[in-house]
Amino acid sequence: MDDGYITEDGRKIGGVVMEMKNITLRFGGVVAIKDISFDIREGEIRAIIGPNGAGKSSMLNVISGFYIPSEGEVFYKGSKRPQMRPFEVARQGIARTFQNIALFEGMSVLDNVMTGRLNHMQSNLFQQALWSGKAEREETANREVAEKVIDFLEIQHIRKTPVSRLPYGLKKRVELARALAAEPQLLLLDEPMAGMNVEEKEDMCRFILDVNDEFGTTICLIEHDMGVVMDLSDRVVVMDYGKKIGDGTPNEVRNNQEVIDAYLGVSHD
């Protein structure tokens, strides 16, 4: 039986939630991912790192259902996952943010966060148009969740502001809020701190740790800032040219010579 492991700071990490087995992804003659296997465990913060073009975002797209692997299998909660569209993956309890912000610019922060509740809405268009009974109760319940997330991420002061008027760092936080509103069991973050200044990065790090600690959310993230990765992550998988070259704790990865060579640009003979 897989009972998980204990982190260096004493946190209990559970069993395997998602397992990628021998994943290969091709685009025509280009191999973006080549025969990679790794797992994500309940309650951990799992990082995927690597130089530009290593295949990190492609792997996150496989996990979230945007890409179908050419070879290999994805297992979620012990069962092989069939070919699914992204909204079906979301219904399994998987939410994500994107490397390039994907918000509705003309809508308010609150309305953007509310879109994260779509999979929790059961009433039909007719019931919503009448705005009574089930539809009203559902809207109230979903709004309460959205407001709690807004409070949690400390963006109450901009809840009615159109997203188009927000600075970049706050837009990133709103995107995280929308993902959290879905109440995911597995949260995928694609470069959540890209383009941020030091203060914004510190805030985002704090929120990611709080999401993991207070909600118990399992997190898998891609991030280029190695200081952030080493501080946040329980385990790290390293990719280079579509292949896995390292997998382990931050200390193990930090001292892996093949990883060091990849980041220093040592030639691949």
C-alpha atoms as a PDB file:
ATOM      1  CA  MET A   1       0.000   0.000   0.000  1.00  0.00           C
ATOM      2  CA  ASP A   2       1.280   3.488  -0.932  1.00  0.00           C
ATOM      3  CA  ASP A   3       1.136   5.637   2.200  1.00  0.00           C
ATOM      4  CA  GLY A   4       2.980   8.613   0.721  1.00  0.00           C
ATOM      5  CA  TYR A   5       5.883  10.319   2.459  1.00  0.00           C
ATOM      6  CA  ILE A   6       6.813  12.943   5.050  1.00  0.00           C
ATOM      7  CA  THR A   7       8.366  16.193   3.822  1.00  0.00           C
ATOM      8  CA  GLU A   8      11.436  17.811   5.336  1.00  0.00           C
ATOM      9  CA  ASP A   9       9.184  20.247   7.220  1.00  0.00           C
ATOM     10  CA  GLY A  10       7.062  17.408   8.635  1.00  0.00           C
ATOM     11  CA  ARG A  11       4.030  17.586   6.319  1.00  0.00           C
ATOM     12  CA  LYS A  12       2.272  14.362   5.394  1.00  0.00           C
ATOM     13  CA  ILE A  13       1.984  13.748   1.665  1.00  0.00           C
ATOM     14  CA  GLY A  14      -0.553  11.161   0.534  1.00  0.00           C
ATOM     15  CA  GLY A  15      -0.667   8.567  -2.209  1.00  0.00           C
ATOM     16  CA  VAL A  16      -0.503   9.060  -5.956  1.00  0.00           C
ATOM     17  CA  VAL A  17      -3.263  11.260  -7.399  1.00  0.00           C
ATOM     18  CA  MET A  18      -2.036  11.397 -10.988  1.00  0.00           C
ATOM     19  CA  GLU A  19       0.498   9.260 -12.805  1.00  0.00           C
ATOM     20  CA  MET A  20       2.004   9.914 -16.203  1.00  0.00           C
ATOM     21  CA  LYS A  21       3.270   6.656 -17.719  1.00  0.00           C
ATOM     22  CA  ASN A  22       5.691   6.726 -20.662  1.00  0.00           C
ATOM     23  CA  ILE A  23       4.181   9.885 -22.152  1.00  0.00           C
ATOM     24  CA  THR A  24       5.293  10.777 -25.683  1.00  0.00           C
ATOM     25  CA  LEU A  25       3.822  13.736 -27.580  1.00  0.00           C
ATOM     26  CA  ARG A  26       4.500  14.410 -31.261  1.00  0.00           C
ATOM     27  CA  PHE A  27       3.525  17.288 -33.530  1.00  0.00           C
ATOM     28  CA  GLY A  28       4.176  15.878 -36.979  1.00  0.00           C
ATOM     29  CA  GLY A  29       7.874  15.065 -37.008  1.00  0.00           C
ATOM     30  CA  VAL A  30       8.613  17.104 -33.882  1.00  0.00           C
ATOM     31  CA  VAL A  31       8.796  15.208 -30.593  1.00  0.00           C
ATOM     32  CA  ALA A  32       7.791  17.603 -27.793  1.00  0.00           C
ATOM     33  CA  ILE A  33       7.814  14.963 -25.036  1.00  0.00           C
ATOM     34  CA  LYS A  34       9.726  11.685 -25.191  1.00  0.00           C
ATOM     35  CA  ASP A  35       8.831   8.731 -22.954  1.00  0.00           C
ATOM     36  CA  ILE A  36       8.405  10.584 -19.646  1.00  0.00           C
ATOM     37  CA  SER A  37       6.975   9.046 -16.473  1.00  0.00           C
ATOM     38  CA  PHE A  38       6.328  10.710 -13.114  1.00  0.00           C
ATOM     39  CA  ASP A  39       3.572  11.037 -10.539  1.00  0.00           C
ATOM     40  CA  ILE A  40       1.830  13.724  -8.497  1.00  0.00           C
ATOM     41  CA  ARG A  41       0.878  12.902  -4.917  1.00  0.00           C
ATOM     42  CA  GLU A  42      -2.002  14.096  -2.776  1.00  0.00           C
ATOM     43  CA  GLY A  43      -1.239  17.303  -0.900  1.00  0.00           C
ATOM     44  CA  GLU A  44       2.162  18.041  -2.432  1.00  0.00           C
ATOM     45  CA  ILE A  45       3.492  20.928  -4.460  1.00  0.00           C
ATOM     46  CA  ARG A  46       5.040  19.330  -7.530  1.00  0.00           C
ATOM     47  CA  ALA A  47       7.157  21.445  -9.883  1.00  0.00           C
ATOM     48  CA  ILE A  48       8.046  20.880 -13.525  1.00  0.00           C
ATOM     49  CA  ILE A  49      11.125  22.816 -14.570  1.00  0.00           C
ATOM     50  CA  GLY A  50      13.520  23.020 -17.486  1.00  0.00           C
ATOM     51  CA  PRO A  51      15.076  25.425 -19.994  1.00  0.00           C
ATOM     52  CA  ASN A  52      12.949  27.129 -22.640  1.00  0.00           C
ATOM     53  CA  GLY A  53      11.611  24.622 -25.150  1.00  0.00           C
ATOM     54  CA  ALA A  54      11.990  21.681 -22.779  1.00  0.00           C
ATOM     55  CA  GLY A  55       8.334  20.633 -23.175  1.00  0.00           C
ATOM     56  CA  LYS A  56       7.017  21.792 -19.814  1.00  0.00           C
ATOM     57  CA  SER A  57       3.860  23.513 -21.053  1.00  0.00           C
ATOM     58  CA  SER A  58       3.192  20.614 -23.410  1.00  0.00           C
ATOM     59  CA  MET A  59       3.271  18.276 -20.406  1.00  0.00           C
ATOM     60  CA  LEU A  60       0.895  20.520 -18.466  1.00  0.00           C
ATOM     61  CA  ASN A  61      -1.419  20.489 -21.484  1.00  0.00           C
ATOM     62  CA  VAL A  62      -1.380  16.690 -21.457  1.00  0.00           C
ATOM     63  CA  ILE A  63      -2.237  16.655 -17.739  1.00  0.00           C
ATOM     64  CA  SER A  64      -5.117  19.111 -18.273  1.00  0.00           C
ATOM     65  CA  GLY A  65      -6.497  17.337 -21.332  1.00  0.00           C
ATOM     66  CA  PHE A  66      -5.645  20.005 -23.919  1.00  0.00           C
ATOM     67  CA  TYR A  67      -3.265  17.591 -25.642  1.00  0.00           C
ATOM     68  CA  ILE A  68      -3.736  13.852 -26.170  1.00  0.00           C
ATOM     69  CA  PRO A  69      -0.437  11.964 -25.842  1.00  0.00           C
ATOM     70  CA  SER A  70       0.802  10.129 -28.930  1.00  0.00           C
ATOM     71  CA  GLU A  71       1.948   7.286 -26.687  1.00  0.00           C
ATOM     72  CA  GLY A  72       1.631   6.458 -23.009  1.00  0.00           C
ATOM     73  CA  GLU A  73      -1.160   6.605 -20.459  1.00  0.00           C
ATOM     74  CA  VAL A  74      -2.513   9.055 -17.884  1.00  0.00           C
ATOM     75  CA  PHE A  75      -3.882   7.654 -14.638  1.00  0.00           C
ATOM     76  CA  TYR A  76      -6.024   9.770 -12.317  1.00  0.00           C
ATOM     77  CA  LYS A  77      -7.014   8.522  -8.875  1.00  0.00           C
ATOM     78  CA  GLY A  78      -5.964   5.011  -9.793  1.00  0.00           C
ATOM     79  CA  SER A  79      -7.924   4.739 -13.037  1.00  0.00           C
ATOM     80  CA  LYS A  80      -6.696   5.096 -16.593  1.00  0.00           C
ATOM     81  CA  ARG A  81      -8.101   8.312 -17.990  1.00  0.00           C
ATOM     82  CA  PRO A  82      -9.827   7.944 -21.342  1.00  0.00           C
ATOM     83  CA  GLN A  83      -9.527  10.586 -24.028  1.00  0.00           C
ATOM     84  CA  MET A  84     -11.288  13.644 -22.623  1.00  0.00           C
ATOM     85  CA  ARG A  85     -11.994  17.212 -23.603  1.00  0.00           C
ATOM     86  CA  PRO A  86     -10.714  19.920 -21.231  1.00  0.00           C
ATOM     87  CA  PHE A  87     -14.143  20.648 -19.705  1.00  0.00           C
ATOM     88  CA  GLU A  88     -14.529  16.955 -18.840  1.00  0.00           C
ATOM     89  CA  VAL A  89     -11.123  17.011 -17.155  1.00  0.00           C
ATOM     90  CA  ALA A  90     -12.245  20.103 -15.209  1.00  0.00           C
ATOM     91  CA  ARG A  91     -15.283  18.178 -13.967  1.00  0.00           C
ATOM     92  CA  GLN A  92     -12.893  15.619 -12.463  1.00  0.00           C
ATOM     93  CA  GLY A  93     -11.598  18.321 -10.122  1.00  0.00           C
ATOM     94  CA  ILE A  94      -8.654  19.679 -12.120  1.00  0.00           C
ATOM     95  CA  ALA A  95      -8.286  23.445 -12.671  1.00  0.00           C
ATOM     96  CA  ARG A  96      -5.489  25.495 -14.205  1.00  0.00           C
ATOM     97  CA  THR A  97      -4.079  28.909 -14.952  1.00  0.00           C
ATOM     98  CA  PHE A  98      -2.307  29.807 -18.190  1.00  0.00           C
ATOM     99  CA  GLN A  99       1.113  31.125 -19.136  1.00  0.00           C
ATOM    100  CA  ASN A 100      -0.594  33.923 -21.064  1.00  0.00           C
ATOM    101  CA  ILE A 101      -3.404  35.433 -19.015  1.00  0.00           C
ATOM    102  CA  ALA A 102      -6.784  34.197 -20.265  1.00  0.00           C
ATOM    103  CA  LEU A 103      -9.390  36.413 -18.595  1.00  0.00           C
ATOM    104  CA  PHE A 104     -12.495  38.217 -19.852  1.00  0.00           C
ATOM    105  CA  GLU A 105     -11.078  41.730 -20.027  1.00  0.00           C
ATOM    106  CA  GLY A 106     -14.431  43.544 -20.260  1.00  0.00           C
ATOM    107  CA  MET A 107     -15.901  41.795 -17.215  1.00  0.00           C
ATOM    108  CA  SER A 108     -15.408  42.658 -13.558  1.00  0.00           C
ATOM    109  CA  VAL A 109     -13.137  40.696 -11.249  1.00  0.00           C
ATOM    110  CA  LEU A 110     -16.154  39.131  -9.528  1.00  0.00           C
ATOM    111  CA  ASP A 111     -17.725  38.064 -12.821  1.00  0.00           C
ATOM    112  CA  ASN A 112     -14.434  36.518 -13.955  1.00  0.00           C
ATOM    113  CA  VAL A 113     -14.134  34.583 -10.695  1.00  0.00           C
ATOM    114  CA  MET A 114     -17.745  33.435 -11.062  1.00  0.00           C
ATOM    115  CA  THR A 115     -16.889  31.776 -14.393  1.00  0.00           C
ATOM    116  CA  GLY A 116     -14.841  29.330 -12.343  1.00  0.00           C
ATOM    117  CA  ARG A 117     -18.129  28.057 -10.914  1.00  0.00           C
ATOM    118  CA  LEU A 118     -19.621  26.994 -14.272  1.00  0.00           C
ATOM    119  CA  ASN A 119     -19.137  23.281 -13.624  1.00  0.00           C
ATOM    120  CA  HIS A 120     -21.069  23.695 -10.363  1.00  0.00           C
ATOM    121  CA  MET A 121     -24.114  25.231 -12.016  1.00  0.00           C
ATOM    122  CA  GLN A 122     -26.952  22.758 -12.640  1.00  0.00           C
ATOM    123  CA  SER A 123     -29.957  24.954 -13.465  1.00  0.00           C
ATOM    124  CA  ASN A 124     -30.931  25.364 -17.130  1.00  0.00           C
ATOM    125  CA  LEU A 125     -31.296  28.584 -19.131  1.00  0.00           C
ATOM    126  CA  PHE A 126     -35.059  28.707 -18.568  1.00  0.00           C
ATOM    127  CA  GLN A 127     -34.650  28.474 -14.771  1.00  0.00           C
ATOM    128  CA  GLN A 128     -31.928  31.130 -14.865  1.00  0.00           C
ATOM    129  CA  ALA A 129     -34.118  33.449 -16.955  1.00  0.00           C
ATOM    130  CA  LEU A 130     -36.966  33.164 -14.434  1.00  0.00           C
ATOM    131  CA  TRP A 131     -34.451  33.779 -11.607  1.00  0.00           C
ATOM    132  CA  SER A 132     -36.344  31.853  -8.951  1.00  0.00           C
ATOM    133  CA  GLY A 133     -36.174  28.670  -6.975  1.00  0.00           C
ATOM    134  CA  LYS A 134     -33.228  26.430  -7.830  1.00  0.00           C
ATOM    135  CA  ALA A 135     -31.483  28.994 -10.046  1.00  0.00           C
ATOM    136  CA  GLU A 136     -31.599  31.677  -7.366  1.00  0.00           C
ATOM    137  CA  ARG A 137     -30.328  29.347  -4.638  1.00  0.00           C
ATOM    138  CA  GLU A 138     -27.573  28.105  -6.912  1.00  0.00           C
ATOM    139  CA  GLU A 139     -26.462  31.604  -7.878  1.00  0.00           C
ATOM    140  CA  THR A 140     -26.357  32.651  -4.211  1.00  0.00           C
ATOM    141  CA  ALA A 141     -24.299  29.612  -3.204  1.00  0.00           C
ATOM    142  CA  ASN A 142     -21.836  30.065  -6.076  1.00  0.00           C
ATOM    143  CA  ARG A 143     -21.462  33.768  -5.352  1.00  0.00           C
ATOM    144  CA  GLU A 144     -20.626  32.972  -1.716  1.00  0.00           C
ATOM    145  CA  VAL A 145     -17.798  30.689  -2.861  1.00  0.00           C
ATOM    146  CA  ALA A 146     -16.502  33.347  -5.261  1.00  0.00           C
ATOM    147  CA  GLU A 147     -16.566  36.013  -2.549  1.00  0.00           C
ATOM    148  CA  LYS A 148     -14.658  33.758  -0.137  1.00  0.00           C
ATOM    149  CA  VAL A 149     -11.950  33.213  -2.745  1.00  0.00           C
ATOM    150  CA  ILE A 150     -11.769  36.961  -3.378  1.00  0.00           C
ATOM    151  CA  ASP A 151     -11.337  37.568   0.350  1.00  0.00           C
ATOM    152  CA  PHE A 152      -8.733  34.800   0.595  1.00  0.00           C
ATOM    153  CA  LEU A 153      -6.611  36.334  -2.169  1.00  0.00           C
ATOM    154  CA  GLU A 154      -7.065  39.856  -0.758  1.00  0.00           C
ATOM    155  CA  ILE A 155      -8.616  41.391  -3.870  1.00  0.00           C
ATOM    156  CA  GLN A 156     -11.828  42.705  -2.268  1.00  0.00           C
ATOM    157  CA  HIS A 157     -10.933  46.277  -3.242  1.00  0.00           C
ATOM    158  CA  ILE A 158     -11.043  45.448  -6.965  1.00  0.00           C
ATOM    159  CA  ARG A 159     -13.962  43.010  -7.014  1.00  0.00           C
ATOM    160  CA  LYS A 160     -16.119  45.353  -9.165  1.00  0.00           C
ATOM    161  CA  THR A 161     -13.251  46.648 -11.323  1.00  0.00           C
ATOM    162  CA  PRO A 162     -13.090  45.598 -15.006  1.00  0.00           C
ATOM    163  CA  VAL A 163     -10.105  43.312 -15.516  1.00  0.00           C
ATOM    164  CA  SER A 164      -8.862  45.464 -18.402  1.00  0.00           C
ATOM    165  CA  ARG A 165      -8.045  48.232 -15.912  1.00  0.00           C
ATOM    166  CA  LEU A 166      -5.862  46.066 -13.654  1.00  0.00           C
ATOM    167  CA  PRO A 167      -2.055  45.887 -13.614  1.00  0.00           C
ATOM    168  CA  TYR A 168      -0.432  42.637 -14.699  1.00  0.00           C
ATOM    169  CA  GLY A 169       0.288  41.268 -11.207  1.00  0.00           C
ATOM    170  CA  LEU A 170      -3.334  41.637 -10.101  1.00  0.00           C
ATOM    171  CA  LYS A 171      -4.570  40.008 -13.302  1.00  0.00           C
ATOM    172  CA  LYS A 172      -2.437  36.982 -12.408  1.00  0.00           C
ATOM    173  CA  ARG A 173      -4.076  36.895  -8.980  1.00  0.00           C
ATOM    174  CA  VAL A 174      -7.562  37.122 -10.521  1.00  0.00           C
ATOM    175  CA  GLU A 175      -6.732  34.175 -12.776  1.00  0.00           C
ATOM    176  CA  LEU A 176      -5.683  32.190  -9.716  1.00  0.00           C
ATOM    177  CA  ALA A 177      -8.959  33.199  -8.037  1.00  0.00           C
ATOM    178  CA  ARG A 178     -10.976  31.911 -10.974  1.00  0.00           C
ATOM    179  CA  ALA A 179      -9.173  28.563 -10.820  1.00  0.00           C
ATOM    180  CA  LEU A 180      -9.696  28.322  -7.047  1.00  0.00           C
ATOM    181  CA  ALA A 181     -13.404  29.104  -7.425  1.00  0.00           C
ATOM    182  CA  ALA A 182     -13.744  25.743  -9.150  1.00  0.00           C
ATOM    183  CA  GLU A 183     -12.677  24.137  -5.823  1.00  0.00           C
ATOM    184  CA  PRO A 184     -10.116  21.893  -7.543  1.00  0.00           C
ATOM    185  CA  GLN A 185      -8.475  18.878  -5.999  1.00  0.00           C
ATOM    186  CA  LEU A 186      -5.540  19.316  -8.395  1.00  0.00           C
ATOM    187  CA  LEU A 187      -4.462  22.841  -9.352  1.00  0.00           C
ATOM    188  CA  LEU A 188      -2.174  23.343 -12.367  1.00  0.00           C
ATOM    189  CA  LEU A 189      -0.228  26.612 -12.519  1.00  0.00           C
ATOM    190  CA  ASP A 190       1.597  27.536 -15.741  1.00  0.00           C
ATOM    191  CA  GLU A 191       4.281  30.074 -14.818  1.00  0.00           C
ATOM    192  CA  PRO A 192       2.187  31.828 -12.149  1.00  0.00           C
ATOM    193  CA  MET A 193       4.942  34.394 -11.461  1.00  0.00           C
ATOM    194  CA  ALA A 194       6.118  35.175 -14.980  1.00  0.00           C
ATOM    195  CA  GLY A 195       6.593  38.919 -15.486  1.00  0.00           C
ATOM    196  CA  MET A 196       6.079  39.812 -11.832  1.00  0.00           C
ATOM    197  CA  ASN A 197       8.249  42.062  -9.709  1.00  0.00           C
ATOM    198  CA  VAL A 198       9.795  40.861  -6.435  1.00  0.00           C
ATOM    199  CA  GLU A 199       6.905  42.015  -4.237  1.00  0.00           C
ATOM    200  CA  GLU A 200       4.290  40.427  -6.497  1.00  0.00           C
ATOM    201  CA  LYS A 201       6.245  37.162  -6.517  1.00  0.00           C
ATOM    202  CA  GLU A 202       6.394  37.139  -2.722  1.00  0.00           C
ATOM    203  CA  ASP A 203       2.618  37.607  -2.543  1.00  0.00           C
ATOM    204  CA  MET A 204       1.971  34.848  -5.079  1.00  0.00           C
ATOM    205  CA  CYS A 205       4.299  32.451  -3.242  1.00  0.00           C
ATOM    206  CA  ARG A 206       2.419  33.133  -0.018  1.00  0.00           C
ATOM    207  CA  PHE A 207      -0.940  32.481  -1.651  1.00  0.00           C
ATOM    208  CA  ILE A 208       0.232  29.235  -3.279  1.00  0.00           C
ATOM    209  CA  LEU A 209       1.513  27.949   0.057  1.00  0.00           C
ATOM    210  CA  ASP A 210      -1.726  29.009   1.771  1.00  0.00           C
ATOM    211  CA  VAL A 211      -3.858  27.254  -0.869  1.00  0.00           C
ATOM    212  CA  ASN A 212      -1.876  24.077  -0.325  1.00  0.00           C
ATOM    213  CA  ASP A 213      -1.926  24.362   3.465  1.00  0.00           C
ATOM    214  CA  GLU A 214      -5.444  25.642   4.195  1.00  0.00           C
ATOM    215  CA  PHE A 215      -7.396  23.932   1.407  1.00  0.00           C
ATOM    216  CA  GLY A 216      -5.205  20.841   1.105  1.00  0.00           C
ATOM    217  CA  THR A 217      -5.071  21.401  -2.655  1.00  0.00           C
ATOM    218  CA  THR A 218      -2.547  19.375  -4.616  1.00  0.00           C
ATOM    219  CA  ILE A 219      -0.530  21.707  -6.854  1.00  0.00           C
ATOM    220  CA  CYS A 220       1.554  21.122  -9.967  1.00  0.00           C
ATOM    221  CA  LEU A 221       3.359  24.174 -11.299  1.00  0.00           C
ATOM    222  CA  ILE A 222       5.748  25.303 -13.997  1.00  0.00           C
ATOM    223  CA  GLU A 223       8.083  28.117 -13.007  1.00  0.00           C
ATOM    224  CA  HIS A 224      11.371  29.539 -14.307  1.00  0.00           C
ATOM    225  CA  ASP A 225      12.449  31.259 -11.081  1.00  0.00           C
ATOM    226  CA  MET A 226      14.611  28.588  -9.465  1.00  0.00           C
ATOM    227  CA  GLY A 227      14.605  30.329  -6.101  1.00  0.00           C
ATOM    228  CA  VAL A 228      10.814  30.139  -6.062  1.00  0.00           C
ATOM    229  CA  VAL A 229      10.787  26.509  -7.179  1.00  0.00           C
ATOM    230  CA  MET A 230      13.263  25.394  -4.551  1.00  0.00           C
ATOM    231  CA  ASP A 231      11.410  27.244  -1.783  1.00  0.00           C
ATOM    232  CA  LEU A 232       7.897  26.103  -2.733  1.00  0.00           C
ATOM    233  CA  SER A 233       8.221  22.575  -4.048  1.00  0.00           C
ATOM    234  CA  ASP A 234       8.178  19.227  -2.312  1.00  0.00           C
ATOM    235  CA  ARG A 235       9.402  17.410  -5.423  1.00  0.00           C
ATOM    236  CA  VAL A 236      10.690  18.569  -8.790  1.00  0.00           C
ATOM    237  CA  VAL A 237      10.736  16.881 -12.198  1.00  0.00           C
ATOM    238  CA  VAL A 238      13.243  18.344 -14.682  1.00  0.00           C
ATOM    239  CA  MET A 239      12.791  18.270 -18.454  1.00  0.00           C
ATOM    240  CA  ASP A 240      15.251  19.096 -21.227  1.00  0.00           C
ATOM    241  CA  TYR A 241      14.648  18.713 -24.963  1.00  0.00           C
ATOM    242  CA  GLY A 242      11.458  16.769 -24.228  1.00  0.00           C
ATOM    243  CA  LYS A 243      13.164  14.220 -21.967  1.00  0.00           C
ATOM    244  CA  LYS A 244      13.196  13.797 -18.184  1.00  0.00           C
ATOM    245  CA  ILE A 245      16.675  14.397 -16.790  1.00  0.00           C
ATOM    246  CA  GLY A 246      15.906  14.638 -13.079  1.00  0.00           C
ATOM    247  CA  ASP A 247      13.227  13.874 -10.498  1.00  0.00           C
ATOM    248  CA  GLY A 248      13.379  14.246  -6.741  1.00  0.00           C
ATOM    249  CA  THR A 249      13.449  16.694  -3.856  1.00  0.00           C
ATOM    250  CA  PRO A 250      14.746  20.220  -4.484  1.00  0.00           C
ATOM    251  CA  ASN A 251      18.085  19.295  -2.904  1.00  0.00           C
ATOM    252  CA  GLU A 252      18.440  16.175  -5.040  1.00  0.00           C
ATOM    253  CA  VAL A 253      17.638  18.106  -8.200  1.00  0.00           C
ATOM    254  CA  ARG A 254      19.902  21.013  -7.243  1.00  0.00           C
ATOM    255  CA  ASN A 255      22.870  18.620  -6.990  1.00  0.00           C
ATOM    256  CA  ASN A 256      22.078  16.608 -10.133  1.00  0.00           C
ATOM    257  CA  GLN A 257      24.940  17.157 -12.588  1.00  0.00           C
ATOM    258  CA  GLU A 258      22.770  16.586 -15.665  1.00  0.00           C
ATOM    259  CA  VAL A 259      20.369  19.264 -14.425  1.00  0.00           C
ATOM    260  CA  ILE A 260      23.248  21.655 -13.736  1.00  0.00           C
ATOM    261  CA  ASP A 261      24.608  21.077 -17.249  1.00  0.00           C
ATOM    262  CA  ALA A 262      21.193  21.738 -18.839  1.00  0.00           C
ATOM    263  CA  TYR A 263      20.816  25.074 -17.075  1.00  0.00           C
ATOM    264  CA  LEU A 264      24.390  26.109 -17.786  1.00  0.00           C
ATOM    265  CA  GLY A 265      23.956  25.332 -21.467  1.00  0.00           C
ATOM    266  CA  VAL A 266      26.507  22.512 -21.647  1.00  0.00           C
ATOM    267  CA  SER A 267      26.494  21.000 -25.122  1.00  0.00           C
ATOM    268  CA  HIS A 268      24.575  17.762 -25.715  1.00  0.00           C
ATOM    269  CA  ASP A 269      26.953  15.435 -27.567  1.00  0.00           C
END
